[in-house]
Amino acid sequence: MAETSGKRIEVRAAMSGVFYRKPAPEEPAYVEVGTVVKKKQILALLETMKVFQKIKSPANGKVVEIVAEEETPLKDGDLIFILEAE
């Protein structure tokens, strides 16, 4: 789920679950602040009922803020990332 305001894109949780920035504990995060991303690029994971859902970028842009904390529970509609559209 994404909301666009000018060049700012808010990426929000589409459902409740636990937020993960990395594919595995020993792996690096999918993205960091400043990472340039392409549309449909994986930004993070959301675990819901033991199933991992991929959180993908809704547009080309750059990550300007990571709002959610690693391994925290999120509710439907919680803000996760703020992107700046290309």
PDB file of N, CA and C in Angstrom:
ATOM      1  N   MET A   1       0.858  -1.170   0.000  1.00  0.00           N
ATOM      2  CA  MET A   1       0.000   0.000   0.000  1.00  0.00           C
ATOM      3  C   MET A   1       0.902   1.229   0.000  1.00  0.00           C
ATOM      4  N   ALA A   2       0.600   2.223  -0.847  1.00  0.00           N
ATOM      5  CA  ALA A   2       1.420   3.431  -0.926  1.00  0.00           C
ATOM      6  C   ALA A   2       0.533   4.654  -1.100  1.00  0.00           C
ATOM      7  N   GLU A   3       0.963   5.746  -0.526  1.00  0.00           N
ATOM      8  CA  GLU A   3       0.282   7.026  -0.688  1.00  0.00           C
ATOM      9  C   GLU A   3       1.289   8.008  -1.249  1.00  0.00           C
ATOM     10  N   THR A   4       0.879   8.773  -2.249  1.00  0.00           N
ATOM     11  CA  THR A   4       1.775   9.727  -2.881  1.00  0.00           C
ATOM     12  C   THR A   4       1.352  11.146  -2.556  1.00  0.00           C
ATOM     13  N   SER A   5       2.320  11.962  -2.197  1.00  0.00           N
ATOM     14  CA  SER A   5       2.079  13.376  -1.916  1.00  0.00           C
ATOM     15  C   SER A   5       3.199  14.156  -2.578  1.00  0.00           C
ATOM     16  N   GLY A   6       2.921  14.706  -3.769  1.00  0.00           N
ATOM     17  CA  GLY A   6       3.984  15.384  -4.518  1.00  0.00           C
ATOM     18  C   GLY A   6       5.021  14.360  -4.912  1.00  0.00           C
ATOM     19  N   LYS A   7       6.253  14.581  -4.499  1.00  0.00           N
ATOM     20  CA  LYS A   7       7.318  13.626  -4.798  1.00  0.00           C
ATOM     21  C   LYS A   7       7.540  12.650  -3.658  1.00  0.00           C
ATOM     22  N   ARG A   8       6.815  12.793  -2.562  1.00  0.00           N
ATOM     23  CA  ARG A   8       6.971  11.924  -1.394  1.00  0.00           C
ATOM     24  C   ARG A   8       6.015  10.745  -1.514  1.00  0.00           C
ATOM     25  N   ILE A   9       6.533   9.549  -1.335  1.00  0.00           N
ATOM     26  CA  ILE A   9       5.723   8.334  -1.389  1.00  0.00           C
ATOM     27  C   ILE A   9       5.809   7.658  -0.029  1.00  0.00           C
ATOM     28  N   GLU A  10       4.667   7.417   0.583  1.00  0.00           N
ATOM     29  CA  GLU A  10       4.615   6.717   1.864  1.00  0.00           C
ATOM     30  C   GLU A  10       4.278   5.253   1.598  1.00  0.00           C
ATOM     31  N   VAL A  11       5.138   4.367   2.069  1.00  0.00           N
ATOM     32  CA  VAL A  11       4.896   2.929   1.942  1.00  0.00           C
ATOM     33  C   VAL A  11       4.361   2.463   3.291  1.00  0.00           C
ATOM     34  N   ARG A  12       3.158   1.895   3.272  1.00  0.00           N
ATOM     35  CA  ARG A  12       2.478   1.478   4.498  1.00  0.00           C
ATOM     36  C   ARG A  12       2.231  -0.025   4.492  1.00  0.00           C
ATOM     37  N   ALA A  13       2.060  -0.582   5.677  1.00  0.00           N
ATOM     38  CA  ALA A  13       1.777  -2.014   5.808  1.00  0.00           C
ATOM     39  C   ALA A  13       0.399  -2.321   5.227  1.00  0.00           C
ATOM     40  N   ALA A  14       0.338  -3.339   4.388  1.00  0.00           N
ATOM     41  CA  ALA A  14      -0.932  -3.745   3.785  1.00  0.00           C
ATOM     42  C   ALA A  14      -1.745  -4.630   4.726  1.00  0.00           C
ATOM     43  N   MET A  15      -1.064  -5.163   5.767  1.00  0.00           N
ATOM     44  CA  MET A  15      -1.714  -6.019   6.758  1.00  0.00           C
ATOM     45  C   MET A  15      -0.870  -5.997   8.025  1.00  0.00           C
ATOM     46  N   SER A  16      -1.379  -6.571   9.078  1.00  0.00           N
ATOM     47  CA  SER A  16      -0.633  -6.658  10.334  1.00  0.00           C
ATOM     48  C   SER A  16       0.413  -7.756  10.237  1.00  0.00           C
ATOM     49  N   GLY A  17       1.554  -7.545  10.922  1.00  0.00           N
ATOM     50  CA  GLY A  17       2.608  -8.551  10.933  1.00  0.00           C
ATOM     51  C   GLY A  17       3.871  -7.998  11.561  1.00  0.00           C
ATOM     52  N   VAL A  18       4.912  -8.807  11.563  1.00  0.00           N
ATOM     53  CA  VAL A  18       6.206  -8.403  12.117  1.00  0.00           C
ATOM     54  C   VAL A  18       7.107  -7.955  10.964  1.00  0.00           C
ATOM     55  N   PHE A  19       7.740  -6.800  11.146  1.00  0.00           N
ATOM     56  CA  PHE A  19       8.554  -6.155  10.115  1.00  0.00           C
ATOM     57  C   PHE A  19      10.002  -6.628  10.193  1.00  0.00           C
ATOM     58  N   TYR A  20      10.557  -7.008   9.044  1.00  0.00           N
ATOM     59  CA  TYR A  20      11.963  -7.413   8.951  1.00  0.00           C
ATOM     60  C   TYR A  20      12.629  -6.664   7.800  1.00  0.00           C
ATOM     61  N   ARG A  21      13.769  -6.036   8.087  1.00  0.00           N
ATOM     62  CA  ARG A  21      14.524  -5.312   7.057  1.00  0.00           C
ATOM     63  C   ARG A  21      15.470  -6.216   6.290  1.00  0.00           C
ATOM     64  N   LYS A  22      15.757  -7.430   6.829  1.00  0.00           N
ATOM     65  CA  LYS A  22      16.742  -8.332   6.231  1.00  0.00           C
ATOM     66  C   LYS A  22      16.093  -9.657   5.833  1.00  0.00           C
ATOM     67  N   PRO A  23      16.648 -10.336   4.822  1.00  0.00           N
ATOM     68  CA  PRO A  23      16.116 -11.646   4.438  1.00  0.00           C
ATOM     69  C   PRO A  23      16.454 -12.727   5.460  1.00  0.00           C
ATOM     70  N   ALA A  24      17.528 -12.532   6.244  1.00  0.00           N
ATOM     71  CA  ALA A  24      17.943 -13.460   7.304  1.00  0.00           C
ATOM     72  C   ALA A  24      18.779 -12.654   8.303  1.00  0.00           C
ATOM     73  N   PRO A  25      18.865 -13.108   9.556  1.00  0.00           N
ATOM     74  CA  PRO A  25      19.586 -12.330  10.574  1.00  0.00           C
ATOM     75  C   PRO A  25      21.034 -11.983  10.215  1.00  0.00           C
ATOM     76  N   GLU A  26      21.721 -12.871   9.515  1.00  0.00           N
ATOM     77  CA  GLU A  26      23.124 -12.625   9.174  1.00  0.00           C
ATOM     78  C   GLU A  26      23.305 -11.871   7.852  1.00  0.00           C
ATOM     79  N   GLU A  27      22.225 -11.585   7.167  1.00  0.00           N
ATOM     80  CA  GLU A  27      22.269 -10.890   5.874  1.00  0.00           C
ATOM     81  C   GLU A  27      22.137  -9.375   6.059  1.00  0.00           C
ATOM     82  N   PRO A  28      22.616  -8.588   5.083  1.00  0.00           N
ATOM     83  CA  PRO A  28      22.408  -7.132   5.158  1.00  0.00           C
ATOM     84  C   PRO A  28      20.958  -6.765   4.869  1.00  0.00           C
ATOM     85  N   ALA A  29      20.572  -5.573   5.287  1.00  0.00           N
ATOM     86  CA  ALA A  29      19.216  -5.073   5.032  1.00  0.00           C
ATOM     87  C   ALA A  29      18.995  -4.914   3.530  1.00  0.00           C
ATOM     88  N   TYR A  30      17.735  -5.074   3.122  1.00  0.00           N
ATOM     89  CA  TYR A  30      17.405  -4.882   1.700  1.00  0.00           C
ATOM     90  C   TYR A  30      17.751  -3.474   1.243  1.00  0.00           C
ATOM     91  N   VAL A  31      17.396  -2.465   2.045  1.00  0.00           N
ATOM     92  CA  VAL A  31      17.675  -1.068   1.694  1.00  0.00           C
ATOM     93  C   VAL A  31      18.073  -0.284   2.944  1.00  0.00           C
ATOM     94  N   GLU A  32      18.756   0.815   2.709  1.00  0.00           N
ATOM     95  CA  GLU A  32      19.130   1.766   3.758  1.00  0.00           C
ATOM     96  C   GLU A  32      18.656   3.142   3.311  1.00  0.00           C
ATOM     97  N   VAL A  33      18.686   4.108   4.209  1.00  0.00           N
ATOM     98  CA  VAL A  33      18.370   5.484   3.829  1.00  0.00           C
ATOM     99  C   VAL A  33      19.387   5.892   2.762  1.00  0.00           C
ATOM    100  N   GLY A  34      18.892   6.454   1.668  1.00  0.00           N
ATOM    101  CA  GLY A  34      19.754   6.862   0.558  1.00  0.00           C
ATOM    102  C   GLY A  34      19.796   5.863  -0.585  1.00  0.00           C
ATOM    103  N   THR A  35      19.284   4.651  -0.372  1.00  0.00           N
ATOM    104  CA  THR A  35      19.278   3.642  -1.425  1.00  0.00           C
ATOM    105  C   THR A  35      18.322   4.062  -2.540  1.00  0.00           C
ATOM    106  N   VAL A  36      18.801   4.009  -3.784  1.00  0.00           N
ATOM    107  CA  VAL A  36      17.955   4.273  -4.948  1.00  0.00           C
ATOM    108  C   VAL A  36      17.292   2.953  -5.318  1.00  0.00           C
ATOM    109  N   VAL A  37      15.964   2.980  -5.443  1.00  0.00           N
ATOM    110  CA  VAL A  37      15.203   1.757  -5.707  1.00  0.00           C
ATOM    111  C   VAL A  37      14.404   1.867  -7.004  1.00  0.00           C
ATOM    112  N   LYS A  38      14.138   0.717  -7.564  1.00  0.00           N
ATOM    113  CA  LYS A  38      13.299   0.609  -8.757  1.00  0.00           C
ATOM    114  C   LYS A  38      11.910   0.123  -8.354  1.00  0.00           C
ATOM    115  N   LYS A  39      10.941   0.414  -9.188  1.00  0.00           N
ATOM    116  CA  LYS A  39       9.582  -0.066  -8.943  1.00  0.00           C
ATOM    117  C   LYS A  39       9.597  -1.588  -8.807  1.00  0.00           C
ATOM    118  N   LYS A  40       8.894  -2.110  -7.811  1.00  0.00           N
ATOM    119  CA  LYS A  40       8.756  -3.527  -7.494  1.00  0.00           C
ATOM    120  C   LYS A  40       9.999  -4.142  -6.851  1.00  0.00           C
ATOM    121  N   GLN A  41      11.017  -3.327  -6.522  1.00  0.00           N
ATOM    122  CA  GLN A  41      12.189  -3.835  -5.806  1.00  0.00           C
ATOM    123  C   GLN A  41      11.784  -4.143  -4.363  1.00  0.00           C
ATOM    124  N   ILE A  42      12.305  -5.230  -3.800  1.00  0.00           N
ATOM    125  CA  ILE A  42      11.985  -5.602  -2.418  1.00  0.00           C
ATOM    126  C   ILE A  42      12.637  -4.614  -1.459  1.00  0.00           C
ATOM    127  N   LEU A  43      11.819  -4.070  -0.549  1.00  0.00           N
ATOM    128  CA  LEU A  43      12.293  -3.138   0.469  1.00  0.00           C
ATOM    129  C   LEU A  43      12.472  -3.824   1.818  1.00  0.00           C
ATOM    130  N   ALA A  44      11.609  -4.799   2.114  1.00  0.00           N
ATOM    131  CA  ALA A  44      11.612  -5.474   3.406  1.00  0.00           C
ATOM    132  C   ALA A  44      10.631  -6.641   3.355  1.00  0.00           C
ATOM    133  N   LEU A  45      10.459  -7.289   4.505  1.00  0.00           N
ATOM    134  CA  LEU A  45       9.514  -8.403   4.625  1.00  0.00           C
ATOM    135  C   LEU A  45       8.542  -8.127   5.760  1.00  0.00           C
ATOM    136  N   LEU A  46       7.352  -8.682   5.640  1.00  0.00           N
ATOM    137  CA  LEU A  46       6.342  -8.604   6.691  1.00  0.00           C
ATOM    138  C   LEU A  46       5.861 -10.036   6.948  1.00  0.00           C
ATOM    139  N   GLU A  47       6.098 -10.537   8.159  1.00  0.00           N
ATOM    140  CA  GLU A  47       5.691 -11.899   8.509  1.00  0.00           C
ATOM    141  C   GLU A  47       4.290 -11.874   9.087  1.00  0.00           C
ATOM    142  N   THR A  48       3.389 -12.584   8.429  1.00  0.00           N
ATOM    143  CA  THR A  48       2.014 -12.695   8.896  1.00  0.00           C
ATOM    144  C   THR A  48       1.649 -14.170   8.942  1.00  0.00           C
ATOM    145  N   MET A  49       1.328 -14.651  10.131  1.00  0.00           N
ATOM    146  CA  MET A  49       0.936 -16.050  10.319  1.00  0.00           C
ATOM    147  C   MET A  49       1.973 -17.019   9.734  1.00  0.00           C
ATOM    148  N   LYS A  50       3.263 -16.775  10.038  1.00  0.00           N
ATOM    149  CA  LYS A  50       4.392 -17.614   9.607  1.00  0.00           C
ATOM    150  C   LYS A  50       4.653 -17.576   8.103  1.00  0.00           C
ATOM    151  N   VAL A  51       4.037 -16.634   7.401  1.00  0.00           N
ATOM    152  CA  VAL A  51       4.262 -16.455   5.964  1.00  0.00           C
ATOM    153  C   VAL A  51       4.910 -15.081   5.760  1.00  0.00           C
ATOM    154  N   PHE A  52       5.991 -15.051   4.978  1.00  0.00           N
ATOM    155  CA  PHE A  52       6.680 -13.793   4.721  1.00  0.00           C
ATOM    156  C   PHE A  52       6.152 -13.152   3.439  1.00  0.00           C
ATOM    157  N   GLN A  53       5.648 -11.933   3.587  1.00  0.00           N
ATOM    158  CA  GLN A  53       5.166 -11.141   2.450  1.00  0.00           C
ATOM    159  C   GLN A  53       6.255 -10.133   2.082  1.00  0.00           C
ATOM    160  N   LYS A  54       6.529  -9.977   0.808  1.00  0.00           N
ATOM    161  CA  LYS A  54       7.525  -9.007   0.361  1.00  0.00           C
ATOM    162  C   LYS A  54       6.888  -7.625   0.292  1.00  0.00           C
ATOM    163  N   ILE A  55       7.564  -6.646   0.875  1.00  0.00           N
ATOM    164  CA  ILE A  55       7.145  -5.250   0.750  1.00  0.00           C
ATOM    165  C   ILE A  55       7.967  -4.676  -0.394  1.00  0.00           C
ATOM    166  N   LYS A  56       7.283  -4.272  -1.466  1.00  0.00           N
ATOM    167  CA  LYS A  56       7.976  -3.814  -2.669  1.00  0.00           C
ATOM    168  C   LYS A  56       7.763  -2.324  -2.886  1.00  0.00           C
ATOM    169  N   SER A  57       8.722  -1.717  -3.557  1.00  0.00           N
ATOM    170  CA  SER A  57       8.624  -0.297  -3.871  1.00  0.00           C
ATOM    171  C   SER A  57       7.508  -0.069  -4.896  1.00  0.00           C
ATOM    172  N   PRO A  58       6.638   0.905  -4.628  1.00  0.00           N
ATOM    173  CA  PRO A  58       5.554   1.186  -5.580  1.00  0.00           C
ATOM    174  C   PRO A  58       6.003   2.010  -6.788  1.00  0.00           C
ATOM    175  N   ALA A  59       7.237   2.559  -6.731  1.00  0.00           N
ATOM    176  CA  ALA A  59       7.723   3.414  -7.812  1.00  0.00           C
ATOM    177  C   ALA A  59       9.242   3.502  -7.758  1.00  0.00           C
ATOM    178  N   ASN A  60       9.833   4.042  -8.820  1.00  0.00           N
ATOM    179  CA  ASN A  60      11.259   4.351  -8.799  1.00  0.00           C
ATOM    180  C   ASN A  60      11.479   5.514  -7.851  1.00  0.00           C
ATOM    181  N   GLY A  61      12.555   5.488  -7.089  1.00  0.00           N
ATOM    182  CA  GLY A  61      12.827   6.593  -6.184  1.00  0.00           C
ATOM    183  C   GLY A  61      14.001   6.327  -5.274  1.00  0.00           C
ATOM    184  N   LYS A  62      14.040   7.070  -4.174  1.00  0.00           N
ATOM    185  CA  LYS A  62      15.122   6.948  -3.202  1.00  0.00           C
ATOM    186  C   LYS A  62      14.518   6.857  -1.809  1.00  0.00           C
ATOM    187  N   VAL A  63      15.072   5.978  -0.974  1.00  0.00           N
ATOM    188  CA  VAL A  63      14.615   5.837   0.404  1.00  0.00           C
ATOM    189  C   VAL A  63      15.120   7.047   1.195  1.00  0.00           C
ATOM    190  N   VAL A  64      14.189   7.834   1.757  1.00  0.00           N
ATOM    191  CA  VAL A  64      14.589   9.004   2.547  1.00  0.00           C
ATOM    192  C   VAL A  64      14.372   8.797   4.038  1.00  0.00           C
ATOM    193  N   GLU A  65      13.516   7.833   4.413  1.00  0.00           N
ATOM    194  CA  GLU A  65      13.326   7.529   5.826  1.00  0.00           C
ATOM    195  C   GLU A  65      12.799   6.109   5.988  1.00  0.00           C
ATOM    196  N   ILE A  66      13.336   5.417   6.998  1.00  0.00           N
ATOM    197  CA  ILE A  66      12.829   4.113   7.389  1.00  0.00           C
ATOM    198  C   ILE A  66      12.179   4.326   8.748  1.00  0.00           C
ATOM    199  N   VAL A  67      10.866   4.292   8.773  1.00  0.00           N
ATOM    200  CA  VAL A  67      10.098   4.641   9.965  1.00  0.00           C
ATOM    201  C   VAL A  67       9.984   3.464  10.931  1.00  0.00           C
ATOM    202  N   ALA A  68       9.706   2.287  10.411  1.00  0.00           N
ATOM    203  CA  ALA A  68       9.496   1.101  11.253  1.00  0.00           C
ATOM    204  C   ALA A  68      10.825   0.564  11.775  1.00  0.00           C
ATOM    205  N   GLU A  69      10.790   0.021  12.971  1.00  0.00           N
ATOM    206  CA  GLU A  69      11.956  -0.589  13.597  1.00  0.00           C
ATOM    207  C   GLU A  69      11.995  -2.086  13.282  1.00  0.00           C
ATOM    208  N   GLU A  70      13.205  -2.621  13.149  1.00  0.00           N
ATOM    209  CA  GLU A  70      13.419  -4.044  12.877  1.00  0.00           C
ATOM    210  C   GLU A  70      12.710  -4.923  13.918  1.00  0.00           C
ATOM    211  N   GLU A  71      12.032  -5.952  13.439  1.00  0.00           N
ATOM    212  CA  GLU A  71      11.363  -6.964  14.259  1.00  0.00           C
ATOM    213  C   GLU A  71      10.266  -6.403  15.174  1.00  0.00           C
ATOM    214  N   THR A  72       9.611  -5.337  14.731  1.00  0.00           N
ATOM    215  CA  THR A  72       8.496  -4.796  15.504  1.00  0.00           C
ATOM    216  C   THR A  72       7.178  -5.173  14.846  1.00  0.00           C
ATOM    217  N   PRO A  73       6.137  -5.364  15.655  1.00  0.00           N
ATOM    218  CA  PRO A  73       4.823  -5.644  15.085  1.00  0.00           C
ATOM    219  C   PRO A  73       4.227  -4.381  14.468  1.00  0.00           C
ATOM    220  N   LEU A  74       3.661  -4.540  13.294  1.00  0.00           N
ATOM    221  CA  LEU A  74       2.987  -3.437  12.607  1.00  0.00           C
ATOM    222  C   LEU A  74       1.518  -3.777  12.452  1.00  0.00           C
ATOM    223  N   LYS A  75       0.705  -2.734  12.377  1.00  0.00           N
ATOM    224  CA  LYS A  75      -0.722  -2.906  12.117  1.00  0.00           C
ATOM    225  C   LYS A  75      -1.004  -2.466  10.689  1.00  0.00           C
ATOM    226  N   ASP A  76      -2.117  -2.905  10.161  1.00  0.00           N
ATOM    227  CA  ASP A  76      -2.563  -2.512   8.833  1.00  0.00           C
ATOM    228  C   ASP A  76      -2.547  -0.986   8.719  1.00  0.00           C
ATOM    229  N   GLY A  77      -1.836  -0.469   7.738  1.00  0.00           N
ATOM    230  CA  GLY A  77      -1.787   0.968   7.501  1.00  0.00           C
ATOM    231  C   GLY A  77      -0.648   1.700   8.178  1.00  0.00           C
ATOM    232  N   ASP A  78       0.150   1.017   9.002  1.00  0.00           N
ATOM    233  CA  ASP A  78       1.296   1.681   9.653  1.00  0.00           C
ATOM    234  C   ASP A  78       2.314   2.117   8.608  1.00  0.00           C
ATOM    235  N   LEU A  79       2.901   3.276   8.827  1.00  0.00           N
ATOM    236  CA  LEU A  79       3.925   3.811   7.934  1.00  0.00           C
ATOM    237  C   LEU A  79       5.221   3.036   8.114  1.00  0.00           C
ATOM    238  N   ILE A  80       5.825   2.604   6.999  1.00  0.00           N
ATOM    239  CA  ILE A  80       7.067   1.821   7.046  1.00  0.00           C
ATOM    240  C   ILE A  80       8.230   2.610   6.451  1.00  0.00           C
ATOM    241  N   PHE A  81       8.067   3.086   5.232  1.00  0.00           N
ATOM    242  CA  PHE A  81       9.122   3.806   4.524  1.00  0.00           C
ATOM    243  C   PHE A  81       8.574   5.097   3.944  1.00  0.00           C
ATOM    244  N   ILE A  82       9.461   6.054   3.770  1.00  0.00           N
ATOM    245  CA  ILE A  82       9.157   7.259   2.984  1.00  0.00           C
ATOM    246  C   ILE A  82      10.176   7.296   1.851  1.00  0.00           C
ATOM    247  N   LEU A  83       9.668   7.355   0.631  1.00  0.00           N
ATOM    248  CA  LEU A  83      10.502   7.416  -0.564  1.00  0.00           C
ATOM    249  C   LEU A  83      10.327   8.782  -1.224  1.00  0.00           C
ATOM    250  N   GLU A  84      11.328   9.169  -1.970  1.00  0.00           N
ATOM    251  CA  GLU A  84      11.245  10.371  -2.808  1.00  0.00           C
ATOM    252  C   GLU A  84      11.187   9.866  -4.244  1.00  0.00           C
ATOM    253  N   ALA A  85      10.104  10.168  -4.942  1.00  0.00           N
ATOM    254  CA  ALA A  85       9.928   9.683  -6.311  1.00  0.00           C
ATOM    255  C   ALA A  85      10.941  10.322  -7.241  1.00  0.00           C
ATOM    256  N   GLU A  86      11.309   9.568  -8.283  1.00  0.00           N
ATOM    257  CA  GLU A  86      12.233  10.090  -9.314  1.00  0.00           C
ATOM    258  C   GLU A  86      11.545  11.120 -10.160  1.00  0.00           C
TER     259      GLU A  86
END
